[in-house]
Amino acid sequence: MEAKNIKVKETVSANKKLQERDARALLKAANSLIAAKGKKVEEFDTKEKISKDSVAAMLGATGNMRAPTIVAGKKLIVGFNEEVFEKAFG
């Protein structure tokens, strides 16, 4: 984030385990979700409906939200993929 001069407004400690209800709350405020798991990137339109697939894409194998989770306006980005970050934050 610092390399791209992105200002972080809030950081949540990894000790605080965010789960499905937290994911749903973030999705309610978002219009879109980009979920990256390695090279796999999924995009979801969340304006009108929050799908089970979009929630599942935000959660790891333990049921906790994956990191990093970034809220950029009405866009939600979960997970790390270099191309996604370049496109979003260039």
N, C-alpha and C. Protein backbone atom coordinates (compact mmCIF):
# COMPACT_ATOMS: atom_id res chain seq x y z
N MET A 1 0.82 -1.18 0.00
CA MET A 1 0.00 0.00 0.00
C MET A 1 0.87 1.26 0.00
N GLU A 2 1.89 1.24 0.80
CA GLU A 2 2.76 2.41 0.88
C GLU A 2 3.46 2.68 -0.44
N ALA A 3 3.82 1.62 -1.17
CA ALA A 3 4.50 1.80 -2.45
C ALA A 3 3.62 2.53 -3.46
N LYS A 4 2.31 2.41 -3.33
CA LYS A 4 1.36 3.06 -4.23
C LYS A 4 0.79 4.34 -3.64
N ASN A 5 1.33 4.77 -2.50
CA ASN A 5 0.85 5.97 -1.80
C ASN A 5 -0.64 5.90 -1.48
N ILE A 6 -1.09 4.73 -1.06
CA ILE A 6 -2.49 4.53 -0.67
C ILE A 6 -2.59 4.74 0.83
N LYS A 7 -3.50 5.61 1.23
CA LYS A 7 -3.67 5.89 2.65
C LYS A 7 -4.64 4.88 3.25
N VAL A 8 -4.21 4.23 4.30
CA VAL A 8 -5.02 3.25 5.00
C VAL A 8 -5.77 3.97 6.11
N LYS A 9 -7.11 3.90 6.08
CA LYS A 9 -7.91 4.57 7.10
C LYS A 9 -8.08 3.71 8.34
N GLU A 10 -8.16 2.39 8.15
CA GLU A 10 -8.37 1.50 9.29
C GLU A 10 -7.66 0.18 9.03
N THR A 11 -6.99 -0.30 10.04
CA THR A 11 -6.35 -1.60 10.00
C THR A 11 -6.95 -2.45 11.10
N VAL A 12 -7.33 -3.67 10.77
CA VAL A 12 -7.90 -4.59 11.75
C VAL A 12 -6.87 -5.67 12.04
N SER A 13 -6.57 -5.89 13.29
CA SER A 13 -5.60 -6.88 13.70
C SER A 13 -6.02 -8.28 13.25
N ALA A 14 -5.04 -9.09 12.87
CA ALA A 14 -5.32 -10.47 12.48
C ALA A 14 -5.87 -11.28 13.65
N ASN A 15 -5.68 -10.80 14.87
CA ASN A 15 -6.23 -11.49 16.04
C ASN A 15 -7.75 -11.43 16.06
N LYS A 16 -8.32 -10.39 15.45
CA LYS A 16 -9.77 -10.27 15.39
C LYS A 16 -10.23 -11.07 14.17
N LYS A 17 -10.91 -12.13 14.41
CA LYS A 17 -11.35 -13.02 13.34
C LYS A 17 -12.67 -12.52 12.75
N LEU A 18 -12.61 -12.01 11.53
CA LEU A 18 -13.81 -11.56 10.83
C LEU A 18 -14.40 -12.76 10.10
N GLN A 19 -15.71 -12.92 10.20
CA GLN A 19 -16.34 -14.12 9.64
C GLN A 19 -17.47 -13.75 8.68
N GLU A 20 -18.36 -14.71 8.41
CA GLU A 20 -19.40 -14.54 7.40
C GLU A 20 -20.26 -13.30 7.63
N ARG A 21 -20.68 -13.05 8.84
CA ARG A 21 -21.54 -11.88 9.07
C ARG A 21 -20.80 -10.58 8.76
N ASP A 22 -19.49 -10.55 9.04
CA ASP A 22 -18.69 -9.37 8.71
C ASP A 22 -18.57 -9.21 7.19
N ALA A 23 -18.40 -10.33 6.49
CA ALA A 23 -18.32 -10.30 5.03
C ALA A 23 -19.62 -9.77 4.45
N ARG A 24 -20.75 -10.24 4.95
CA ARG A 24 -22.06 -9.79 4.46
C ARG A 24 -22.25 -8.29 4.72
N ALA A 25 -21.82 -7.82 5.86
CA ALA A 25 -21.95 -6.39 6.18
C ALA A 25 -21.14 -5.54 5.20
N LEU A 26 -19.94 -5.99 4.87
CA LEU A 26 -19.13 -5.26 3.89
C LEU A 26 -19.77 -5.29 2.51
N LEU A 27 -20.33 -6.44 2.14
CA LEU A 27 -20.97 -6.57 0.83
C LEU A 27 -22.21 -5.70 0.70
N LYS A 28 -22.93 -5.50 1.80
CA LYS A 28 -24.14 -4.65 1.76
C LYS A 28 -23.80 -3.22 1.35
N ALA A 29 -22.62 -2.77 1.74
CA ALA A 29 -22.21 -1.40 1.44
C ALA A 29 -21.49 -1.28 0.09
N ALA A 30 -21.24 -2.40 -0.57
CA ALA A 30 -20.46 -2.40 -1.81
C ALA A 30 -21.34 -2.61 -3.03
N ASN A 31 -20.85 -2.15 -4.17
CA ASN A 31 -21.52 -2.40 -5.46
C ASN A 31 -20.86 -3.54 -6.21
N SER A 32 -19.59 -3.80 -5.86
CA SER A 32 -18.88 -4.87 -6.55
C SER A 32 -17.82 -5.48 -5.65
N LEU A 33 -17.50 -6.72 -5.96
CA LEU A 33 -16.48 -7.47 -5.23
C LEU A 33 -15.52 -8.07 -6.23
N ILE A 34 -14.24 -7.91 -5.97
CA ILE A 34 -13.21 -8.63 -6.72
C ILE A 34 -12.51 -9.51 -5.70
N ALA A 35 -12.58 -10.82 -5.92
CA ALA A 35 -11.96 -11.78 -5.00
C ALA A 35 -10.84 -12.50 -5.73
N ALA A 36 -9.64 -12.41 -5.19
CA ALA A 36 -8.47 -13.02 -5.81
C ALA A 36 -7.92 -14.11 -4.89
N LYS A 37 -7.69 -15.27 -5.50
CA LYS A 37 -7.02 -16.38 -4.81
C LYS A 37 -5.91 -16.82 -5.74
N GLY A 38 -4.71 -16.30 -5.49
CA GLY A 38 -3.60 -16.59 -6.40
C GLY A 38 -3.88 -15.99 -7.76
N LYS A 39 -3.85 -16.80 -8.81
CA LYS A 39 -4.11 -16.31 -10.16
C LYS A 39 -5.59 -16.30 -10.50
N LYS A 40 -6.41 -16.95 -9.69
CA LYS A 40 -7.85 -16.99 -9.93
C LYS A 40 -8.49 -15.70 -9.42
N VAL A 41 -9.21 -15.00 -10.29
CA VAL A 41 -9.87 -13.76 -9.93
C VAL A 41 -11.35 -13.87 -10.31
N GLU A 42 -12.22 -13.60 -9.33
CA GLU A 42 -13.66 -13.62 -9.57
C GLU A 42 -14.21 -12.23 -9.30
N GLU A 43 -15.16 -11.81 -10.13
CA GLU A 43 -15.81 -10.53 -9.93
C GLU A 43 -17.30 -10.75 -9.73
N PHE A 44 -17.88 -10.01 -8.78
CA PHE A 44 -19.29 -10.14 -8.45
C PHE A 44 -19.94 -8.76 -8.43
N ASP A 45 -21.14 -8.67 -8.97
CA ASP A 45 -21.95 -7.46 -8.89
C ASP A 45 -22.82 -7.63 -7.64
N THR A 46 -22.64 -6.76 -6.67
CA THR A 46 -23.36 -6.91 -5.40
C THR A 46 -24.35 -5.77 -5.15
N LYS A 47 -24.67 -5.01 -6.20
CA LYS A 47 -25.59 -3.88 -6.04
C LYS A 47 -26.96 -4.32 -5.55
N GLU A 48 -27.50 -5.38 -6.16
CA GLU A 48 -28.87 -5.78 -5.87
C GLU A 48 -28.98 -7.04 -5.04
N LYS A 49 -27.97 -7.92 -5.13
CA LYS A 49 -28.08 -9.21 -4.44
C LYS A 49 -26.71 -9.67 -3.97
N ILE A 50 -26.68 -10.20 -2.75
CA ILE A 50 -25.46 -10.79 -2.22
C ILE A 50 -25.59 -12.30 -2.37
N SER A 51 -24.80 -12.88 -3.25
CA SER A 51 -24.89 -14.32 -3.50
C SER A 51 -24.05 -15.11 -2.50
N LYS A 52 -24.39 -16.38 -2.35
CA LYS A 52 -23.61 -17.27 -1.50
C LYS A 52 -22.18 -17.38 -2.03
N ASP A 53 -22.06 -17.36 -3.36
CA ASP A 53 -20.73 -17.47 -3.97
C ASP A 53 -19.85 -16.27 -3.64
N SER A 54 -20.45 -15.07 -3.60
CA SER A 54 -19.66 -13.89 -3.29
C SER A 54 -19.17 -13.93 -1.84
N VAL A 55 -20.03 -14.38 -0.94
CA VAL A 55 -19.62 -14.51 0.47
C VAL A 55 -18.54 -15.58 0.60
N ALA A 56 -18.73 -16.70 -0.06
CA ALA A 56 -17.76 -17.80 0.00
C ALA A 56 -16.40 -17.37 -0.54
N ALA A 57 -16.40 -16.50 -1.57
CA ALA A 57 -15.14 -16.04 -2.16
C ALA A 57 -14.34 -15.18 -1.19
N MET A 58 -15.02 -14.60 -0.20
CA MET A 58 -14.35 -13.75 0.78
C MET A 58 -13.78 -14.53 1.96
N LEU A 59 -14.20 -15.78 2.11
CA LEU A 59 -13.81 -16.56 3.28
C LEU A 59 -12.76 -17.60 2.94
N GLY A 60 -11.88 -17.84 3.88
CA GLY A 60 -10.87 -18.87 3.72
C GLY A 60 -11.39 -20.21 4.22
N ALA A 61 -10.53 -21.20 4.22
CA ALA A 61 -10.90 -22.56 4.62
C ALA A 61 -11.37 -22.64 6.07
N THR A 62 -10.92 -21.72 6.91
CA THR A 62 -11.30 -21.74 8.33
C THR A 62 -12.62 -21.02 8.59
N GLY A 63 -13.16 -20.36 7.55
CA GLY A 63 -14.39 -19.60 7.73
C GLY A 63 -14.15 -18.14 8.09
N ASN A 64 -12.90 -17.77 8.19
CA ASN A 64 -12.54 -16.37 8.47
C ASN A 64 -12.31 -15.63 7.17
N MET A 65 -12.52 -14.31 7.21
CA MET A 65 -12.29 -13.51 6.01
C MET A 65 -10.83 -13.55 5.61
N ARG A 66 -10.62 -13.57 4.30
CA ARG A 66 -9.27 -13.60 3.76
C ARG A 66 -8.66 -12.21 3.78
N ALA A 67 -7.34 -12.18 3.72
CA ALA A 67 -6.63 -10.90 3.75
C ALA A 67 -5.82 -10.77 2.48
N PRO A 68 -5.54 -9.57 2.06
CA PRO A 68 -6.11 -8.34 2.59
C PRO A 68 -7.55 -8.15 2.12
N THR A 69 -8.29 -7.38 2.87
CA THR A 69 -9.63 -6.97 2.48
C THR A 69 -9.60 -5.45 2.39
N ILE A 70 -9.93 -4.94 1.22
CA ILE A 70 -9.82 -3.50 0.97
C ILE A 70 -11.16 -2.96 0.52
N VAL A 71 -11.60 -1.88 1.17
CA VAL A 71 -12.79 -1.16 0.75
C VAL A 71 -12.31 0.11 0.07
N ALA A 72 -12.62 0.23 -1.22
CA ALA A 72 -12.23 1.41 -1.99
C ALA A 72 -13.50 1.99 -2.59
N GLY A 73 -14.08 2.95 -1.87
CA GLY A 73 -15.37 3.49 -2.30
C GLY A 73 -16.44 2.42 -2.19
N LYS A 74 -17.08 2.10 -3.30
CA LYS A 74 -18.13 1.06 -3.32
C LYS A 74 -17.59 -0.26 -3.85
N LYS A 75 -16.26 -0.35 -4.00
CA LYS A 75 -15.63 -1.57 -4.49
C LYS A 75 -14.94 -2.28 -3.33
N LEU A 76 -15.08 -3.59 -3.31
CA LEU A 76 -14.47 -4.42 -2.28
C LEU A 76 -13.47 -5.35 -2.97
N ILE A 77 -12.25 -5.38 -2.47
CA ILE A 77 -11.21 -6.25 -3.03
C ILE A 77 -10.74 -7.17 -1.90
N VAL A 78 -10.78 -8.46 -2.17
CA VAL A 78 -10.38 -9.45 -1.16
C VAL A 78 -9.32 -10.36 -1.76
N GLY A 79 -8.26 -10.57 -1.00
CA GLY A 79 -7.16 -11.40 -1.48
C GLY A 79 -6.17 -10.57 -2.26
N PHE A 80 -5.07 -11.20 -2.65
CA PHE A 80 -4.02 -10.46 -3.35
C PHE A 80 -3.75 -11.07 -4.71
N ASN A 81 -3.69 -10.20 -5.71
CA ASN A 81 -3.29 -10.55 -7.06
C ASN A 81 -2.65 -9.29 -7.63
N GLU A 82 -1.42 -9.39 -8.07
CA GLU A 82 -0.66 -8.23 -8.54
C GLU A 82 -1.40 -7.48 -9.65
N GLU A 83 -1.98 -8.20 -10.62
CA GLU A 83 -2.69 -7.54 -11.71
C GLU A 83 -3.92 -6.77 -11.23
N VAL A 84 -4.63 -7.33 -10.28
CA VAL A 84 -5.81 -6.66 -9.73
C VAL A 84 -5.39 -5.36 -9.04
N PHE A 85 -4.32 -5.42 -8.26
CA PHE A 85 -3.86 -4.22 -7.56
C PHE A 85 -3.38 -3.17 -8.54
N GLU A 86 -2.67 -3.57 -9.59
CA GLU A 86 -2.19 -2.62 -10.59
C GLU A 86 -3.38 -1.95 -11.28
N LYS A 87 -4.40 -2.73 -11.60
CA LYS A 87 -5.57 -2.19 -12.28
C LYS A 87 -6.34 -1.24 -11.36
N ALA A 88 -6.48 -1.61 -10.11
CA ALA A 88 -7.27 -0.82 -9.16
C ALA A 88 -6.52 0.41 -8.67
N PHE A 89 -5.22 0.30 -8.46
CA PHE A 89 -4.47 1.38 -7.82
C PHE A 89 -3.32 1.92 -8.65
N GLY A 90 -3.11 1.31 -9.84
CA GLY A 90 -2.10 1.70 -10.81
C GLY A 90 -0.99 2.47 -10.34
